[in-house]
Amino acid sequence: MSERLKVNVTSEFGKLEGVIVHTPGLEVEEMTPETAKRALYSDILNLAVAGKEYMQLKGVLSKASRCFEVKDLLSDVLSNDLVRQKLLQEICTAEKALDILPALLEIDAKELARQLIQGVPIKRDNLTRYLSQERFSLTPLHNFLFTRDASMSFCDEVVIGKMANKVRDREALIMETIFNNHPLIEARTLNPLNAEGLTPDKKIMIEGGDFQVAREDVLVIGTGIRTSTEGIDFILESIKAKKEKIHHVIVQELPDMPESFIHLDMVFTFLDRDACMVYEPLILGTNRYHTIHIQIENGEVSSIQEEKNLPEALKKLGMDLKPIHCGGSKDIWTQEREQWHSGANFFAIAPGQVIGYERNVNTVEELNKNGFEVIKAEDYISGKATLPKNQKCVITIAGSELARGGGGARCMSMPFRRKSIEW
């Protein structure tokens, strides 16, 4: 057996060494105009097109790092009867589908992993089920291509997401099961629902799109419609419980609307030790959304105060980041258009080497002006282009269809291991 990969994420941009993805499949095609809203989508994706575009992202990640598919990892752990029994019991209880539990227990691991993601069709063997308008006993996980949200790595721990919408709860259960049981991954998990010594709060919500690791001792977390202040308080309590040296949590308030502001990583992402991507009107502009710096020292909150904005708060902690503007600096309308299509949502595979959508031409141009060489994903994957050693670059992936799903490269990748940064 291969050597176990220990979870280690102490920044958003250390060299990538382990990442989990989910290639979109039939669960995307099972969406209808009626179910799209319930599935948290504002539009229906064309899988044939989105799938081709996704292979560019996966191709880049696979070339840069060890890249794992959720379905494969899930299939591996489901071959253990005890793990299978526990997970299925939890899922069927939560989704009020205990009647199908015996049948699910009989399915082989690979097929079961597929059904848990793509949906378990309803068996119309009694009158209630025959007349039901539902097509599935367990609905497809339409959002699982956004693997970022259901779990978050920080140092050697994985925080399990407490999703804002029940339709995504199964994603968190699956990720927790993988991290707790897969023989290839060594991890400690921290779940808001069963954290030792902490009373779970029903208002706790926390999703990975709002959770960013700036440095080993600095977290940046957004609070809005997907991550509650109670969710951030849970993170504070877990840091306090360790009674370690100084830790900092910088909190950025987010608007409820538009829906493109769903997570912090839609308006702010780290690019390198010295650069970040920002949606300027929200992150740097004058507005009513607070930026709050919380300092924790030896198990206690030693200070809590408001800051001017995120880059200023990070600068005070020794991280002097140049803000690069999503949509460029020409006008606010271009910024709005490109932010809508995940123009601020970048994922780093190494310091200063990031992945983003090529459709956001003004954002890419702005990166280029700031020293980022532009490389097409297909050229990198084919070997036609190589990444410049220790130089900044942006690898552009196609996103005419994928971007309509409401997320970018960061949303679609769950890193669990990176090289530590030398500061």
Protein backbone atom coordinates (compact mmCIF):
# COMPACT_ATOMS: atom_id res chain seq x y z
CA MET A 1 0.00 0.00 0.00
CA SER A 2 1.16 3.53 -0.74
CA GLU A 3 2.42 5.70 2.09
CA ARG A 4 -0.41 7.51 3.86
CA LEU A 5 -0.86 11.17 3.00
CA LYS A 6 -1.12 13.25 6.13
CA VAL A 7 -3.44 16.25 6.01
CA ASN A 8 -1.41 19.46 6.06
CA VAL A 9 -2.71 22.82 4.84
CA THR A 10 -1.08 25.91 6.33
CA SER A 11 -1.81 28.32 3.46
CA GLU A 12 -4.01 28.76 0.40
CA PHE A 13 -1.01 28.71 -1.95
CA GLY A 14 1.61 26.22 -0.75
CA LYS A 15 2.59 23.69 -3.44
CA LEU A 16 -0.33 21.32 -3.89
CA GLU A 17 0.33 17.69 -2.91
CA GLY A 18 -3.15 16.20 -2.47
CA VAL A 19 -6.55 17.34 -3.74
CA ILE A 20 -10.04 15.82 -3.94
CA VAL A 21 -12.40 16.53 -6.84
CA HIS A 22 -15.69 15.23 -8.20
CA THR A 23 -16.15 15.07 -11.95
CA PRO A 24 -19.77 16.04 -12.64
CA GLY A 25 -21.88 13.13 -13.86
CA LEU A 26 -25.49 12.07 -14.26
CA GLU A 27 -26.49 13.92 -11.07
CA VAL A 28 -26.15 17.15 -13.10
CA GLU A 29 -28.37 15.81 -15.91
CA GLU A 30 -31.07 14.79 -13.43
CA MET A 31 -31.85 18.45 -12.79
CA THR A 32 -35.08 19.92 -14.15
CA PRO A 33 -36.28 23.53 -14.15
CA GLU A 34 -38.48 22.58 -11.20
CA THR A 35 -35.72 20.95 -9.12
CA ALA A 36 -32.94 23.40 -10.09
CA LYS A 37 -33.98 25.93 -7.45
CA ARG A 38 -34.21 23.28 -4.75
CA ALA A 39 -30.76 22.11 -5.86
CA LEU A 40 -29.48 25.71 -5.35
CA TYR A 41 -28.89 26.31 -9.07
CA SER A 42 -30.21 29.27 -11.05
CA ASP A 43 -29.72 27.44 -14.34
CA ILE A 44 -29.38 23.93 -15.79
CA LEU A 45 -25.95 22.83 -17.00
CA ASN A 46 -25.28 21.01 -20.25
CA LEU A 47 -23.23 18.05 -18.98
CA ALA A 48 -21.60 17.28 -22.34
CA VAL A 49 -20.08 20.77 -22.49
CA ALA A 50 -19.46 21.21 -18.74
CA GLY A 51 -17.80 17.77 -18.60
CA LYS A 52 -15.27 18.66 -21.31
CA GLU A 53 -14.45 21.94 -19.56
CA TYR A 54 -14.11 20.16 -16.21
CA MET A 55 -11.53 17.78 -17.70
CA GLN A 56 -9.27 20.80 -18.24
CA LEU A 57 -9.42 21.59 -14.51
CA LYS A 58 -8.84 17.97 -13.55
CA GLY A 59 -6.07 17.65 -16.12
CA VAL A 60 -4.18 20.59 -14.61
CA LEU A 61 -4.69 19.34 -11.03
CA SER A 62 -3.62 15.79 -11.95
CA LYS A 63 -0.43 17.07 -13.56
CA ALA A 64 0.39 19.35 -10.63
CA SER A 65 -0.48 17.04 -7.74
CA ARG A 66 -2.01 13.76 -6.58
CA CYS A 67 -5.66 14.11 -7.50
CA PHE A 68 -8.41 11.89 -6.09
CA GLU A 69 -12.06 11.41 -7.12
CA VAL A 70 -14.71 11.42 -4.38
CA LYS A 71 -16.45 8.45 -6.01
CA ASP A 72 -13.29 6.31 -5.94
CA LEU A 73 -12.45 7.20 -2.33
CA LEU A 74 -16.07 6.53 -1.29
CA SER A 75 -16.11 3.18 -3.07
CA ASP A 76 -12.90 2.20 -1.24
CA VAL A 77 -14.30 2.92 2.24
CA LEU A 78 -17.70 1.33 1.47
CA SER A 79 -15.97 -2.03 1.00
CA ASN A 80 -15.67 -2.04 4.82
CA ASP A 81 -18.98 -3.47 6.14
CA LEU A 82 -18.92 -1.51 9.39
CA VAL A 83 -18.24 1.79 7.59
CA ARG A 84 -20.97 1.02 5.06
CA GLN A 85 -23.53 0.18 7.76
CA LYS A 86 -22.77 3.35 9.76
CA LEU A 87 -22.84 5.72 6.78
CA LEU A 88 -26.02 4.27 5.28
CA GLN A 89 -27.76 4.32 8.65
CA GLU A 90 -26.86 8.02 9.06
CA ILE A 91 -27.93 8.96 5.53
CA CYS A 92 -31.21 7.02 5.54
CA THR A 93 -32.14 8.32 9.01
CA ALA A 94 -31.37 11.93 8.07
CA GLU A 95 -33.24 11.70 4.76
CA LYS A 96 -36.18 9.67 6.15
CA ALA A 97 -35.48 6.74 3.84
CA LEU A 98 -34.91 3.87 6.30
CA ASP A 99 -37.20 1.65 4.19
CA ILE A 100 -34.49 1.38 1.51
CA LEU A 101 -31.63 0.65 3.94
CA PRO A 102 -31.74 -3.19 3.62
CA ALA A 103 -31.60 -2.99 -0.19
CA LEU A 104 -28.70 -0.50 -0.13
CA LEU A 105 -26.69 -2.75 2.17
CA GLU A 106 -26.73 -5.43 -0.54
CA ILE A 107 -25.32 -3.27 -3.36
CA ASP A 108 -21.61 -3.65 -4.20
CA ALA A 109 -19.33 -0.79 -3.09
CA LYS A 110 -18.69 0.76 -6.53
CA GLU A 111 -22.37 0.87 -7.53
CA LEU A 112 -23.39 2.07 -4.07
CA ALA A 113 -20.88 4.95 -4.25
CA ARG A 114 -22.37 5.91 -7.62
CA GLN A 115 -25.96 5.83 -6.32
CA LEU A 116 -25.14 7.82 -3.18
CA ILE A 117 -23.92 10.61 -5.47
CA GLN A 118 -26.13 10.25 -8.55
CA GLY A 119 -29.30 9.35 -6.64
CA VAL A 120 -31.24 6.23 -5.63
CA PRO A 121 -34.29 5.92 -7.92
CA ILE A 122 -37.61 5.44 -6.15
CA LYS A 123 -38.95 1.88 -6.29
CA ARG A 124 -42.67 2.19 -7.00
CA ASP A 125 -43.72 -0.94 -5.13
CA ASN A 126 -46.52 0.49 -2.99
CA LEU A 127 -49.31 3.01 -3.53
CA THR A 128 -47.55 5.91 -1.80
CA ARG A 129 -44.41 5.51 -3.87
CA TYR A 130 -46.40 4.82 -7.03
CA LEU A 131 -48.23 8.13 -6.70
CA SER A 132 -45.21 10.10 -5.46
CA GLN A 133 -44.08 13.04 -7.59
CA GLU A 134 -40.50 12.35 -6.51
CA ARG A 135 -38.17 10.39 -8.78
CA PHE A 136 -35.65 9.45 -6.11
CA SER A 137 -35.64 7.93 -2.62
CA LEU A 138 -32.25 9.60 -2.14
CA THR A 139 -31.95 12.65 -4.38
CA PRO A 140 -28.87 13.24 -6.58
CA LEU A 141 -26.11 15.43 -5.13
CA HIS A 142 -26.23 18.14 -7.80
CA ASN A 143 -23.68 20.32 -5.96
CA PHE A 144 -20.94 17.79 -5.27
CA LEU A 145 -18.72 19.08 -8.09
CA PHE A 146 -18.12 21.94 -5.63
CA THR A 147 -16.07 19.69 -3.33
CA ARG A 148 -14.71 22.75 -1.49
CA ASP A 149 -17.74 23.24 0.76
CA ALA A 150 -18.35 19.99 2.63
CA SER A 151 -14.91 19.83 4.28
CA MET A 152 -12.02 22.22 4.95
CA SER A 153 -8.39 21.47 5.76
CA PHE A 154 -6.55 23.56 8.33
CA CYS A 155 -3.10 22.46 9.51
CA ASP A 156 -3.50 18.72 10.27
CA GLU A 157 -7.27 18.77 10.81
CA VAL A 158 -10.29 18.60 8.53
CA VAL A 159 -13.31 20.64 9.59
CA ILE A 160 -16.50 18.96 8.39
CA GLY A 161 -18.96 21.43 6.91
CA LYS A 162 -22.32 22.12 8.50
CA MET A 163 -24.14 22.95 5.31
CA ALA A 164 -26.60 25.83 5.13
CA ASN A 165 -29.02 23.77 3.03
CA LYS A 166 -30.20 20.27 3.90
CA VAL A 167 -29.88 19.15 0.27
CA ARG A 168 -26.10 19.18 0.83
CA ASP A 169 -25.92 17.38 4.21
CA ARG A 170 -25.07 14.03 2.58
CA GLU A 171 -21.94 15.57 1.03
CA ALA A 172 -20.59 16.35 4.50
CA LEU A 173 -21.40 12.83 5.76
CA ILE A 174 -19.57 11.31 2.80
CA MET A 175 -16.48 13.50 3.22
CA GLU A 176 -16.31 12.80 6.96
CA THR A 177 -16.53 9.06 6.27
CA ILE A 178 -13.72 9.27 3.71
CA PHE A 179 -11.38 11.27 5.96
CA ASN A 180 -12.06 9.06 8.98
CA ASN A 181 -11.66 5.73 7.19
CA HIS A 182 -9.66 5.86 3.98
CA PRO A 183 -6.35 3.96 4.36
CA LEU A 184 -4.49 6.41 2.14
CA ILE A 185 -5.32 9.55 4.12
CA GLU A 186 -4.28 10.36 7.67
CA ALA A 187 -6.61 12.97 9.15
CA ARG A 188 -8.27 14.21 12.30
CA THR A 189 -11.79 15.46 11.70
CA LEU A 190 -13.65 18.14 13.59
CA ASN A 191 -17.43 18.10 13.18
CA PRO A 192 -19.65 20.86 14.63
CA LEU A 193 -22.36 18.25 15.17
CA ASN A 194 -20.35 16.06 17.54
CA ALA A 195 -17.31 18.02 18.69
CA GLU A 196 -16.08 16.79 22.06
CA GLY A 197 -16.76 19.22 24.89
CA LEU A 198 -18.70 21.59 22.66
CA THR A 199 -22.49 21.81 22.60
CA PRO A 200 -23.74 21.85 19.01
CA ASP A 201 -25.64 25.01 18.15
CA LYS A 202 -28.51 24.62 15.67
CA LYS A 203 -27.57 27.96 14.14
CA ILE A 204 -24.07 26.74 13.23
CA MET A 205 -23.44 26.87 9.48
CA ILE A 206 -20.01 26.68 7.93
CA GLU A 207 -18.98 25.96 4.34
CA GLY A 208 -15.54 25.71 2.75
CA GLY A 209 -16.12 28.52 0.26
CA ASP A 210 -16.01 30.91 3.21
CA PHE A 211 -12.97 29.33 4.90
CA GLN A 212 -9.46 30.39 3.85
CA VAL A 213 -6.10 29.58 5.43
CA ALA A 214 -3.85 32.62 5.16
CA ARG A 215 -1.03 31.30 7.31
CA GLU A 216 -0.54 28.63 9.98
CA ASP A 217 -1.81 31.11 12.57
CA VAL A 218 -4.25 33.15 10.43
CA LEU A 219 -7.69 32.18 9.16
CA VAL A 220 -9.87 34.39 6.99
CA ILE A 221 -13.58 33.49 7.14
CA GLY A 222 -16.59 35.02 5.44
CA THR A 223 -19.99 35.25 7.12
CA GLY A 224 -23.16 35.52 5.08
CA ILE A 225 -25.93 33.25 3.85
CA ARG A 226 -23.80 30.07 3.99
CA THR A 227 -21.60 30.59 7.08
CA SER A 228 -23.17 31.96 10.25
CA THR A 229 -21.50 33.90 13.06
CA GLU A 230 -22.26 30.83 15.22
CA GLY A 231 -20.30 28.72 12.72
CA ILE A 232 -17.31 31.02 13.13
CA ASP A 233 -17.73 30.94 16.91
CA PHE A 234 -17.44 27.15 16.67
CA ILE A 235 -14.08 27.57 14.92
CA LEU A 236 -13.01 30.05 17.62
CA GLU A 237 -13.97 27.56 20.35
CA SER A 238 -12.00 24.77 18.69
CA ILE A 239 -8.91 27.02 18.46
CA LYS A 240 -9.35 28.14 22.10
CA ALA A 241 -9.58 24.50 23.22
CA LYS A 242 -6.03 23.87 21.97
CA LYS A 243 -4.68 26.61 24.29
CA GLU A 244 -1.89 27.39 21.85
CA LYS A 245 0.08 30.51 21.06
CA ILE A 246 -1.51 33.44 19.24
CA HIS A 247 -4.02 32.72 16.47
CA HIS A 248 -5.88 35.25 14.36
CA VAL A 249 -9.28 34.96 12.71
CA ILE A 250 -10.26 37.74 10.31
CA VAL A 251 -13.97 37.79 9.55
CA GLN A 252 -15.46 39.42 6.47
CA GLU A 253 -19.20 40.15 6.38
CA LEU A 254 -20.86 39.39 3.04
CA PRO A 255 -24.11 40.71 1.51
CA ASP A 256 -27.07 38.35 1.12
CA MET A 257 -27.51 39.47 -2.48
CA PRO A 258 -26.62 39.02 -5.28
CA GLU A 259 -26.30 35.23 -5.21
CA SER A 260 -22.81 35.49 -6.75
CA PHE A 261 -21.63 36.70 -3.30
CA ILE A 262 -22.55 33.30 -1.87
CA HIS A 263 -19.07 32.69 -0.36
CA LEU A 264 -16.00 34.73 0.48
CA ASP A 265 -14.00 33.03 -2.29
CA MET A 266 -16.30 34.65 -4.84
CA VAL A 267 -14.97 38.09 -3.86
CA PHE A 268 -11.51 37.37 -2.38
CA THR A 269 -8.84 34.69 -2.96
CA PHE A 270 -5.14 34.39 -2.17
CA LEU A 271 -2.78 34.18 -5.15
CA ASP A 272 0.66 34.24 -3.48
CA ARG A 273 2.55 35.50 -0.42
CA ASP A 274 2.25 39.01 -1.83
CA ALA A 275 -0.91 39.08 -3.98
CA CYS A 276 -4.65 38.53 -3.71
CA MET A 277 -7.62 38.76 -6.07
CA VAL A 278 -10.39 41.07 -4.89
CA TYR A 279 -13.80 42.21 -6.02
CA GLU A 280 -12.91 45.83 -5.35
CA PRO A 281 -16.38 47.35 -4.55
CA LEU A 282 -16.92 44.94 -1.66
CA ILE A 283 -13.40 44.26 -0.38
CA LEU A 284 -11.84 47.74 -0.76
CA GLY A 285 -14.80 50.05 -1.31
CA THR A 286 -16.72 51.98 1.32
CA ASN A 287 -19.68 49.86 2.42
CA ARG A 288 -21.51 48.67 5.50
CA TYR A 289 -19.93 45.18 5.62
CA HIS A 290 -17.58 44.82 8.57
CA THR A 291 -14.09 43.34 8.63
CA ILE A 292 -13.35 42.08 12.15
CA HIS A 293 -10.04 40.85 13.58
CA ILE A 294 -10.26 38.35 16.45
CA GLN A 295 -7.10 37.41 18.33
CA ILE A 296 -6.93 34.22 20.41
CA GLU A 297 -4.16 33.68 22.93
CA ASN A 298 -3.68 30.73 25.29
CA GLY A 299 -7.29 29.60 25.05
CA GLU A 300 -8.92 33.05 25.35
CA VAL A 301 -10.07 35.77 22.97
CA SER A 302 -7.56 38.49 23.82
CA SER A 303 -8.94 41.13 21.44
CA ILE A 304 -11.72 41.69 18.93
CA GLN A 305 -11.79 44.83 16.79
CA GLU A 306 -12.91 46.22 13.46
CA GLU A 307 -10.43 46.75 10.61
CA LYS A 308 -10.61 48.95 7.52
CA ASN A 309 -10.65 45.98 5.10
CA LEU A 310 -9.19 42.51 4.57
CA PRO A 311 -5.87 43.47 2.93
CA GLU A 312 -5.25 46.10 5.66
CA ALA A 313 -6.00 43.58 8.42
CA LEU A 314 -3.61 41.05 6.86
CA LYS A 315 -0.92 43.71 6.40
CA LYS A 316 -0.95 44.36 10.17
CA LEU A 317 -0.15 40.65 10.61
CA GLY A 318 2.85 40.84 8.30
CA MET A 319 1.08 39.73 5.11
CA ASP A 320 1.39 42.63 2.68
CA LEU A 321 -0.76 41.60 -0.27
CA LYS A 322 -1.19 43.61 -3.44
CA PRO A 323 -4.91 43.55 -4.38
CA ILE A 324 -5.49 42.66 -8.04
CA HIS A 325 -8.93 43.70 -9.26
CA CYS A 326 -11.43 41.15 -10.56
CA GLY A 327 -12.72 42.52 -13.88
CA GLY A 328 -9.80 44.95 -14.15
CA SER A 329 -9.85 48.62 -13.21
CA LYS A 330 -11.74 50.12 -16.16
CA ASP A 331 -15.28 50.28 -14.80
CA ILE A 332 -17.60 48.78 -12.19
CA TRP A 333 -19.87 47.13 -14.79
CA THR A 334 -17.05 44.96 -16.13
CA GLN A 335 -16.08 44.08 -12.57
CA GLU A 336 -19.68 43.07 -11.81
CA ARG A 337 -19.98 40.94 -14.96
CA GLU A 338 -16.77 39.03 -14.35
CA GLN A 339 -17.38 38.60 -10.62
CA TRP A 340 -20.75 37.03 -11.51
CA HIS A 341 -18.91 34.34 -13.45
CA SER A 342 -16.40 33.56 -10.68
CA GLY A 343 -13.82 36.11 -11.82
CA ALA A 344 -12.38 36.37 -8.29
CA ASN A 345 -12.39 32.61 -7.67
CA PHE A 346 -8.81 31.39 -8.16
CA PHE A 347 -7.13 28.20 -6.96
CA ALA A 348 -3.37 28.06 -6.38
CA ILE A 349 -1.38 24.92 -7.25
CA ALA A 350 1.83 26.60 -6.01
CA PRO A 351 2.82 30.09 -4.80
CA GLY A 352 1.77 32.55 -7.51
CA GLN A 353 0.59 29.79 -9.88
CA VAL A 354 -3.18 29.84 -10.09
CA ILE A 355 -6.10 28.43 -12.10
CA GLY A 356 -9.06 30.51 -13.30
CA TYR A 357 -11.62 30.85 -16.10
CA GLU A 358 -10.35 32.16 -19.45
CA ARG A 359 -13.77 33.76 -20.12
CA ASN A 360 -12.96 36.51 -17.58
CA VAL A 361 -10.69 38.29 -20.05
CA ASN A 362 -10.35 41.56 -18.13
CA THR A 363 -9.38 39.74 -14.93
CA VAL A 364 -6.80 37.64 -16.79
CA GLU A 365 -5.45 40.78 -18.46
CA GLU A 366 -5.15 42.46 -15.04
CA LEU A 367 -3.20 39.46 -13.74
CA ASN A 368 -0.93 39.62 -16.76
CA LYS A 369 -0.25 43.32 -16.12
CA ASN A 370 0.77 42.32 -12.60
CA GLY A 371 3.38 39.81 -13.72
CA PHE A 372 1.32 36.63 -14.20
CA GLU A 373 2.20 34.77 -17.40
CA VAL A 374 -0.98 33.48 -19.11
CA ILE A 375 -0.91 29.75 -19.98
CA LYS A 376 -3.81 27.84 -21.55
CA ALA A 377 -4.75 24.70 -19.63
CA GLU A 378 -4.76 22.57 -22.78
CA ASP A 379 -1.17 23.67 -23.58
CA TYR A 380 0.00 22.80 -20.05
CA ILE A 381 -1.77 19.42 -20.07
CA SER A 382 -0.41 18.47 -23.51
CA GLY A 383 3.13 19.53 -22.62
CA LYS A 384 3.17 22.30 -25.20
CA ALA A 385 3.71 24.78 -22.35
CA THR A 386 5.49 24.39 -19.03
CA LEU A 387 5.02 26.36 -15.85
CA PRO A 388 7.75 28.96 -15.28
CA LYS A 389 9.90 27.94 -12.32
CA ASN A 390 9.26 30.14 -9.28
CA GLN A 391 7.44 32.67 -11.46
CA LYS A 392 3.84 33.81 -11.36
CA CYS A 393 1.37 32.44 -13.91
CA VAL A 394 -2.37 31.97 -14.45
CA ILE A 395 -3.54 28.74 -16.07
CA THR A 396 -6.80 29.44 -17.88
CA ILE A 397 -9.51 26.81 -18.18
CA ALA A 398 -12.59 26.90 -20.39
CA GLY A 399 -15.72 27.94 -18.51
CA SER A 400 -18.52 28.90 -20.88
CA GLU A 401 -20.77 26.25 -19.30
CA LEU A 402 -19.12 25.39 -15.98
CA ALA A 403 -19.24 29.00 -14.77
CA ARG A 404 -23.03 28.91 -15.06
CA GLY A 405 -23.05 26.47 -12.14
CA GLY A 406 -22.02 29.32 -9.84
CA GLY A 407 -18.42 28.47 -8.94
CA GLY A 408 -14.83 28.51 -10.17
CA ALA A 409 -11.59 26.56 -9.77
CA ARG A 410 -11.40 27.05 -5.99
CA CYS A 411 -15.01 25.93 -5.50
CA MET A 412 -14.35 22.72 -7.44
CA SER A 413 -11.23 21.56 -5.55
CA MET A 414 -10.71 20.36 -1.97
CA PRO A 415 -6.98 20.45 -1.11
CA PHE A 416 -5.96 18.37 1.90
CA ARG A 417 -2.19 18.53 1.61
CA ARG A 418 0.17 21.35 0.62
CA LYS A 419 3.84 22.04 1.19
CA SER A 420 4.42 24.46 4.00
CA ILE A 421 5.42 27.98 2.96
CA GLU A 422 8.75 29.47 3.97
CA TRP A 423 7.97 33.01 5.10
